[in-house]
Amino acid sequence: MSRRSISQPSDGNRERHASNLQSRTPHSSEPGEQVQPQGRSERGSAERRTEFHAIFVDERKFREWYDVTARRVYAYLFGRCGGEASLAEELTQLTFIDAIRHRETYDGRADSVTWLIAIGRNRLLDHLRRQEREERRRLRIVVREIAVGDGQEAAWDTLEDRDQIVR
């Protein structure tokens, strides 16, 4: 049994498949019919990048852009950080600070909101990793305290201390 990908036609259909690909454009129903791919923006990445950089020149444009995009970024982050409004607000602020600092890296391949959400998602992941490291550090401290204790009573004392620290 030969291995081939699903998109490859069998040997008998290869020529017919090649002629169909040459005569049709994406999402067309008739050979030679010109149809725009669905879900694609008509604007090129260079135009999108130029418009994005123009936002930072005009304060009014920036305010309008910020008002629209900040809500979308906040909503995305709020849903992913367990409904903690303060965390979502902080991450949204950090997202925009990063975006403004590194605006030259925006290449225009995607909408600016998509770019901002990617920055926000990375900020959230950084926050969660930092939280996990701190929790592991706290647990190591508790384990060391339990191991150092002389007896069972000392172990219970350190557990109570740990519970107070965690709260």
Foldseek 3Di string as FASTA:
>chain_A
DDDDDPPQDPPVCRVVVVVQVVQDDPPDDDGVDDDDDPPDDPDDLVVLLVVLVVCVVDVVSVVVVCVVLLVVLLVLVCVVPVNPNVVSVVLSVVLVVVCVVPVVPRRRPDHVSVVSNVSSVVSVVVVVVVVVVVVVVLVVVLVVQLVPDDDDVSNVVSVVVSVVVVD
